Amino acid sequence: MSLIDEQTLRHNVEDTGRRLAADPGFGVVFPAVTSALDHNVGSTVWFEQYGEEFRMTVDESAGRGGVGAGPSPMRYLLASLAGCLQVWCAKAAALRGKPIDALEIDVTSMLDMRGEHRVGTTPAHPQWFFVDVRLGGDICASAAQDVVDEALRRCPVASLLVRAVPIHTRISVGDVVVSGEVPAELRSLR
């Protein structure tokens, strides 16, 4: 049983495309959040979307000045990339009429903390992202590759991050790896 409603997603993407072609201003949005410091490095972030207010707690571990009351900013960045790609994988599958029974995405990065602590010349940003996409269902290897490639092109978060650092991908359908491999730095940890 497919996890996606192909007809609804296809209609949504195609209708939005038609509306944008007719009125480019329709798609100009200004996402915004507010963050307030609660203690040391811990904060509450809030924003309104879909007519509701959402709140998130951001913190660091005790060893980094926080109390571990919430995920670190880096985890939110990884979650943002994973979530955005998940949305666009689902939409890309719907556009291609490819039902998917499962879709899991792991995102890992390599961050050398010397950068943020200004030790040496290491940059403060992550050096790369690794996206491990696992699809399930009646989808062949080439279709799975096409779905993920399309998601990577359309996801605003991936589009931004890939301009700064490489995004490595591995795609699997069931237990079969379709493309990509784990970066060398991660292979030694697994």
C-alpha atoms as a PDB file:
ATOM      1  CA  MET A   1       0.000   0.000   0.000  1.00  0.00           C
ATOM      2  CA  SER A   2       1.457   3.328  -1.056  1.00  0.00           C
ATOM      3  CA  LEU A   3       2.179   5.908   1.628  1.00  0.00           C
ATOM      4  CA  ILE A   4       1.429   8.759  -0.750  1.00  0.00           C
ATOM      5  CA  ASP A   5      -1.770   9.994  -2.321  1.00  0.00           C
ATOM      6  CA  GLU A   6      -0.407  10.306  -5.851  1.00  0.00           C
ATOM      7  CA  GLN A   7      -3.408  12.152  -7.253  1.00  0.00           C
ATOM      8  CA  THR A   8      -3.479  14.803  -4.507  1.00  0.00           C
ATOM      9  CA  LEU A   9       0.281  15.411  -4.588  1.00  0.00           C
ATOM     10  CA  ARG A  10       0.442  15.490  -8.403  1.00  0.00           C
ATOM     11  CA  HIS A  11      -2.482  17.935  -8.530  1.00  0.00           C
ATOM     12  CA  ASN A  12      -0.865  20.112  -5.843  1.00  0.00           C
ATOM     13  CA  VAL A  13       2.487  20.364  -7.634  1.00  0.00           C
ATOM     14  CA  GLU A  14       0.983  20.878 -11.096  1.00  0.00           C
ATOM     15  CA  ASP A  15      -1.613  23.403  -9.892  1.00  0.00           C
ATOM     16  CA  THR A  16       1.015  25.364  -7.970  1.00  0.00           C
ATOM     17  CA  GLY A  17       3.226  25.381 -11.081  1.00  0.00           C
ATOM     18  CA  ARG A  18       0.361  26.759 -13.194  1.00  0.00           C
ATOM     19  CA  ARG A  19      -0.413  29.447 -10.608  1.00  0.00           C
ATOM     20  CA  LEU A  20       3.257  30.461 -10.428  1.00  0.00           C
ATOM     21  CA  ALA A  21       3.489  30.691 -14.219  1.00  0.00           C
ATOM     22  CA  ALA A  22       0.466  32.984 -14.271  1.00  0.00           C
ATOM     23  CA  ASP A  23       1.487  35.046 -11.224  1.00  0.00           C
ATOM     24  CA  PRO A  24       5.125  34.753 -10.098  1.00  0.00           C
ATOM     25  CA  GLY A  25       4.328  36.846  -7.020  1.00  0.00           C
ATOM     26  CA  PHE A  26       2.057  34.044  -5.795  1.00  0.00           C
ATOM     27  CA  GLY A  27       5.123  32.047  -4.771  1.00  0.00           C
ATOM     28  CA  VAL A  28       7.101  34.729  -3.004  1.00  0.00           C
ATOM     29  CA  VAL A  29       7.021  33.953   0.709  1.00  0.00           C
ATOM     30  CA  PHE A  30       8.941  35.290   3.683  1.00  0.00           C
ATOM     31  CA  PRO A  31       9.369  32.483   6.247  1.00  0.00           C
ATOM     32  CA  ALA A  32      10.449  33.869   9.617  1.00  0.00           C
ATOM     33  CA  VAL A  33      11.064  32.647  13.144  1.00  0.00           C
ATOM     34  CA  THR A  34      11.759  34.347  16.473  1.00  0.00           C
ATOM     35  CA  SER A  35      14.251  33.029  19.007  1.00  0.00           C
ATOM     36  CA  ALA A  36      14.548  34.093  22.649  1.00  0.00           C
ATOM     37  CA  LEU A  37      17.372  33.054  24.948  1.00  0.00           C
ATOM     38  CA  ASP A  38      16.092  31.095  27.971  1.00  0.00           C
ATOM     39  CA  HIS A  39      19.362  30.258  29.740  1.00  0.00           C
ATOM     40  CA  ASN A  40      23.066  30.154  28.807  1.00  0.00           C
ATOM     41  CA  VAL A  41      22.737  28.850  25.230  1.00  0.00           C
ATOM     42  CA  GLY A  42      19.222  27.371  25.452  1.00  0.00           C
ATOM     43  CA  SER A  43      16.427  29.121  23.646  1.00  0.00           C
ATOM     44  CA  THR A  44      12.852  28.873  22.512  1.00  0.00           C
ATOM     45  CA  VAL A  45      12.116  29.402  18.851  1.00  0.00           C
ATOM     46  CA  TRP A  46       8.581  30.108  17.690  1.00  0.00           C
ATOM     47  CA  PHE A  47       6.755  30.986  14.548  1.00  0.00           C
ATOM     48  CA  GLU A  48       3.285  30.983  13.053  1.00  0.00           C
ATOM     49  CA  GLN A  49       2.441  28.766  10.102  1.00  0.00           C
ATOM     50  CA  TYR A  50      -0.825  27.331   8.786  1.00  0.00           C
ATOM     51  CA  GLY A  51      -2.648  29.612  11.238  1.00  0.00           C
ATOM     52  CA  GLU A  52      -1.008  27.972  14.273  1.00  0.00           C
ATOM     53  CA  GLU A  53       1.911  28.838  16.519  1.00  0.00           C
ATOM     54  CA  PHE A  54       4.737  26.311  16.734  1.00  0.00           C
ATOM     55  CA  ARG A  55       7.468  26.255  19.402  1.00  0.00           C
ATOM     56  CA  MET A  56      10.797  24.465  19.480  1.00  0.00           C
ATOM     57  CA  THR A  57      13.427  24.202  22.177  1.00  0.00           C
ATOM     58  CA  VAL A  58      17.049  24.613  21.124  1.00  0.00           C
ATOM     59  CA  ASP A  59      19.939  23.786  23.450  1.00  0.00           C
ATOM     60  CA  GLU A  60      23.390  22.281  23.674  1.00  0.00           C
ATOM     61  CA  SER A  61      24.794  19.590  25.949  1.00  0.00           C
ATOM     62  CA  ALA A  62      26.170  20.449  29.381  1.00  0.00           C
ATOM     63  CA  GLY A  63      29.663  20.122  27.946  1.00  0.00           C
ATOM     64  CA  ARG A  64      28.852  22.872  25.447  1.00  0.00           C
ATOM     65  CA  GLY A  65      27.196  25.331  27.855  1.00  0.00           C
ATOM     66  CA  GLY A  66      23.642  24.030  27.799  1.00  0.00           C
ATOM     67  CA  VAL A  67      21.560  21.594  29.823  1.00  0.00           C
ATOM     68  CA  GLY A  68      20.401  19.318  27.021  1.00  0.00           C
ATOM     69  CA  ALA A  69      16.806  20.607  27.181  1.00  0.00           C
ATOM     70  CA  GLY A  70      16.397  20.285  23.427  1.00  0.00           C
ATOM     71  CA  PRO A  71      18.155  19.389  20.200  1.00  0.00           C
ATOM     72  CA  SER A  72      21.167  21.394  19.088  1.00  0.00           C
ATOM     73  CA  PRO A  73      20.875  23.781  16.152  1.00  0.00           C
ATOM     74  CA  MET A  74      22.803  21.277  14.002  1.00  0.00           C
ATOM     75  CA  ARG A  75      20.135  18.594  14.606  1.00  0.00           C
ATOM     76  CA  TYR A  76      17.471  21.026  13.428  1.00  0.00           C
ATOM     77  CA  LEU A  77      19.517  21.686  10.292  1.00  0.00           C
ATOM     78  CA  LEU A  78      19.832  17.947   9.613  1.00  0.00           C
ATOM     79  CA  ALA A  79      16.105  17.492  10.288  1.00  0.00           C
ATOM     80  CA  SER A  80      15.313  20.357   7.930  1.00  0.00           C
ATOM     81  CA  LEU A  81      17.268  18.718   5.113  1.00  0.00           C
ATOM     82  CA  ALA A  82      15.743  15.273   5.790  1.00  0.00           C
ATOM     83  CA  GLY A  83      12.203  16.624   6.058  1.00  0.00           C
ATOM     84  CA  CYS A  84      12.430  18.772   2.939  1.00  0.00           C
ATOM     85  CA  LEU A  85      13.853  15.891   0.903  1.00  0.00           C
ATOM     86  CA  GLN A  86      11.136  13.592   2.226  1.00  0.00           C
ATOM     87  CA  VAL A  87       8.456  16.016   1.029  1.00  0.00           C
ATOM     88  CA  TRP A  88      10.010  16.285  -2.410  1.00  0.00           C
ATOM     89  CA  CYS A  89      10.685  12.543  -2.747  1.00  0.00           C
ATOM     90  CA  ALA A  90       6.987  11.937  -2.089  1.00  0.00           C
ATOM     91  CA  LYS A  91       5.966  14.613  -4.597  1.00  0.00           C
ATOM     92  CA  ALA A  92       8.462  13.416  -7.222  1.00  0.00           C
ATOM     93  CA  ALA A  93       7.190   9.832  -6.840  1.00  0.00           C
ATOM     94  CA  ALA A  94       3.611  11.060  -7.260  1.00  0.00           C
ATOM     95  CA  LEU A  95       4.509  13.064 -10.376  1.00  0.00           C
ATOM     96  CA  ARG A  96       5.998   9.911 -11.893  1.00  0.00           C
ATOM     97  CA  GLY A  97       3.176   7.610 -10.784  1.00  0.00           C
ATOM     98  CA  LYS A  98       5.537   5.564  -8.623  1.00  0.00           C
ATOM     99  CA  PRO A  99       3.899   4.267  -5.439  1.00  0.00           C
ATOM    100  CA  ILE A 100       6.192   3.955  -2.440  1.00  0.00           C
ATOM    101  CA  ASP A 101       5.494   1.744   0.552  1.00  0.00           C
ATOM    102  CA  ALA A 102       8.357   3.090   2.658  1.00  0.00           C
ATOM    103  CA  LEU A 103      10.587   6.143   2.630  1.00  0.00           C
ATOM    104  CA  GLU A 104      13.268   6.713   5.231  1.00  0.00           C
ATOM    105  CA  ILE A 105      16.021   9.286   5.038  1.00  0.00           C
ATOM    106  CA  ASP A 106      19.047   9.489   7.315  1.00  0.00           C
ATOM    107  CA  VAL A 107      21.135  12.643   7.173  1.00  0.00           C
ATOM    108  CA  THR A 108      24.616  12.741   8.658  1.00  0.00           C
ATOM    109  CA  SER A 109      27.205  15.472   8.526  1.00  0.00           C
ATOM    110  CA  MET A 110      30.820  15.950   9.501  1.00  0.00           C
ATOM    111  CA  LEU A 111      31.489  18.965  11.679  1.00  0.00           C
ATOM    112  CA  ASP A 112      34.959  19.744  12.980  1.00  0.00           C
ATOM    113  CA  MET A 113      34.387  21.854  16.096  1.00  0.00           C
ATOM    114  CA  ARG A 114      37.800  23.471  15.735  1.00  0.00           C
ATOM    115  CA  GLY A 115      36.097  25.786  13.239  1.00  0.00           C
ATOM    116  CA  GLU A 116      33.515  27.218  15.600  1.00  0.00           C
ATOM    117  CA  HIS A 117      36.129  27.503  18.352  1.00  0.00           C
ATOM    118  CA  ARG A 118      38.549  29.242  15.970  1.00  0.00           C
ATOM    119  CA  VAL A 119      41.329  26.726  16.390  1.00  0.00           C
ATOM    120  CA  GLY A 120      43.391  26.683  13.216  1.00  0.00           C
ATOM    121  CA  THR A 121      41.894  27.347   9.801  1.00  0.00           C
ATOM    122  CA  THR A 122      39.057  24.809   9.861  1.00  0.00           C
ATOM    123  CA  PRO A 123      35.766  26.354   8.676  1.00  0.00           C
ATOM    124  CA  ALA A 124      32.935  26.602  11.201  1.00  0.00           C
ATOM    125  CA  HIS A 125      30.412  24.940   8.863  1.00  0.00           C
ATOM    126  CA  PRO A 126      29.920  21.215   8.221  1.00  0.00           C
ATOM    127  CA  GLN A 127      32.270  19.807   5.591  1.00  0.00           C
ATOM    128  CA  TRP A 128      29.602  17.712   3.821  1.00  0.00           C
ATOM    129  CA  PHE A 129      26.221  16.061   4.229  1.00  0.00           C
ATOM    130  CA  PHE A 130      25.445  12.410   3.631  1.00  0.00           C
ATOM    131  CA  VAL A 131      21.856  11.568   2.708  1.00  0.00           C
ATOM    132  CA  ASP A 132      20.917   7.888   2.896  1.00  0.00           C
ATOM    133  CA  VAL A 133      17.546   7.365   1.175  1.00  0.00           C
ATOM    134  CA  ARG A 134      15.742   4.047   1.558  1.00  0.00           C
ATOM    135  CA  LEU A 135      12.649   3.440  -0.564  1.00  0.00           C
ATOM    136  CA  GLY A 136      10.256   0.534  -0.446  1.00  0.00           C
ATOM    137  CA  GLY A 137       7.601  -0.563  -2.879  1.00  0.00           C
ATOM    138  CA  ASP A 138       7.259  -1.460  -6.516  1.00  0.00           C
ATOM    139  CA  ILE A 139       9.864   0.990  -7.767  1.00  0.00           C
ATOM    140  CA  CYS A 140      12.812   0.046  -9.976  1.00  0.00           C
ATOM    141  CA  ALA A 141      16.364   1.295  -9.475  1.00  0.00           C
ATOM    142  CA  SER A 142      16.250   3.908 -12.252  1.00  0.00           C
ATOM    143  CA  ALA A 143      12.913   5.309 -11.037  1.00  0.00           C
ATOM    144  CA  ALA A 144      14.230   5.501  -7.467  1.00  0.00           C
ATOM    145  CA  GLN A 145      17.302   7.382  -8.708  1.00  0.00           C
ATOM    146  CA  ASP A 146      15.080   9.726 -10.726  1.00  0.00           C
ATOM    147  CA  VAL A 147      12.806  10.425  -7.733  1.00  0.00           C
ATOM    148  CA  VAL A 148      15.730  11.275  -5.440  1.00  0.00           C
ATOM    149  CA  ASP A 149      17.511  13.361  -8.087  1.00  0.00           C
ATOM    150  CA  GLU A 150      14.319  15.358  -8.642  1.00  0.00           C
ATOM    151  CA  ALA A 151      13.875  15.841  -4.895  1.00  0.00           C
ATOM    152  CA  LEU A 152      17.449  17.113  -4.585  1.00  0.00           C
ATOM    153  CA  ARG A 153      16.785  19.629  -7.392  1.00  0.00           C
ATOM    154  CA  ARG A 154      13.495  20.883  -5.925  1.00  0.00           C
ATOM    155  CA  CYS A 155      14.174  20.894  -2.160  1.00  0.00           C
ATOM    156  CA  PRO A 156      15.003  24.487  -1.141  1.00  0.00           C
ATOM    157  CA  VAL A 157      17.125  23.311   1.796  1.00  0.00           C
ATOM    158  CA  ALA A 158      19.238  20.947  -0.334  1.00  0.00           C
ATOM    159  CA  SER A 159      19.509  23.602  -3.037  1.00  0.00           C
ATOM    160  CA  LEU A 160      20.989  26.031  -0.525  1.00  0.00           C
ATOM    161  CA  LEU A 161      23.314  23.592   1.234  1.00  0.00           C
ATOM    162  CA  VAL A 162      24.782  22.082  -1.934  1.00  0.00           C
ATOM    163  CA  ARG A 163      26.014  25.561  -2.894  1.00  0.00           C
ATOM    164  CA  ALA A 164      28.175  25.519   0.247  1.00  0.00           C
ATOM    165  CA  VAL A 165      29.309  21.918   0.649  1.00  0.00           C
ATOM    166  CA  PRO A 166      28.865  18.564  -1.105  1.00  0.00           C
ATOM    167  CA  ILE A 167      25.775  16.469  -0.471  1.00  0.00           C
ATOM    168  CA  HIS A 168      26.622  12.784  -0.901  1.00  0.00           C
ATOM    169  CA  THR A 169      23.736  10.382  -1.435  1.00  0.00           C
ATOM    170  CA  ARG A 170      23.145   6.682  -1.240  1.00  0.00           C
ATOM    171  CA  ILE A 171      19.862   5.313  -2.544  1.00  0.00           C
ATOM    172  CA  SER A 172      18.465   1.886  -1.711  1.00  0.00           C
ATOM    173  CA  VAL A 173      15.310   0.079  -2.737  1.00  0.00           C
ATOM    174  CA  GLY A 174      14.602  -2.540  -0.129  1.00  0.00           C
ATOM    175  CA  ASP A 175      17.965  -4.094   0.734  1.00  0.00           C
ATOM    176  CA  VAL A 176      19.573  -3.279  -2.626  1.00  0.00           C
ATOM    177  CA  VAL A 177      21.838  -0.243  -2.959  1.00  0.00           C
ATOM    178  CA  VAL A 178      20.951   1.548  -6.197  1.00  0.00           C
ATOM    179  CA  SER A 179      23.671   4.195  -6.145  1.00  0.00           C
ATOM    180  CA  GLY A 180      26.165   5.984  -3.944  1.00  0.00           C
ATOM    181  CA  GLU A 181      28.257   4.927  -1.046  1.00  0.00           C
ATOM    182  CA  VAL A 182      28.974   5.906   2.524  1.00  0.00           C
ATOM    183  CA  PRO A 183      31.704   8.585   2.807  1.00  0.00           C
ATOM    184  CA  ALA A 184      35.057   7.215   3.984  1.00  0.00           C
ATOM    185  CA  GLU A 185      34.876   9.157   7.270  1.00  0.00           C
ATOM    186  CA  LEU A 186      31.615   7.375   8.128  1.00  0.00           C
ATOM    187  CA  ARG A 187      32.664   3.912   6.979  1.00  0.00           C
ATOM    188  CA  SER A 188      35.251   3.804   9.740  1.00  0.00           C
ATOM    189  CA  LEU A 189      32.536   4.522  12.332  1.00  0.00           C
ATOM    190  CA  ARG A 190      30.065   1.876  11.175  1.00  0.00           C
END
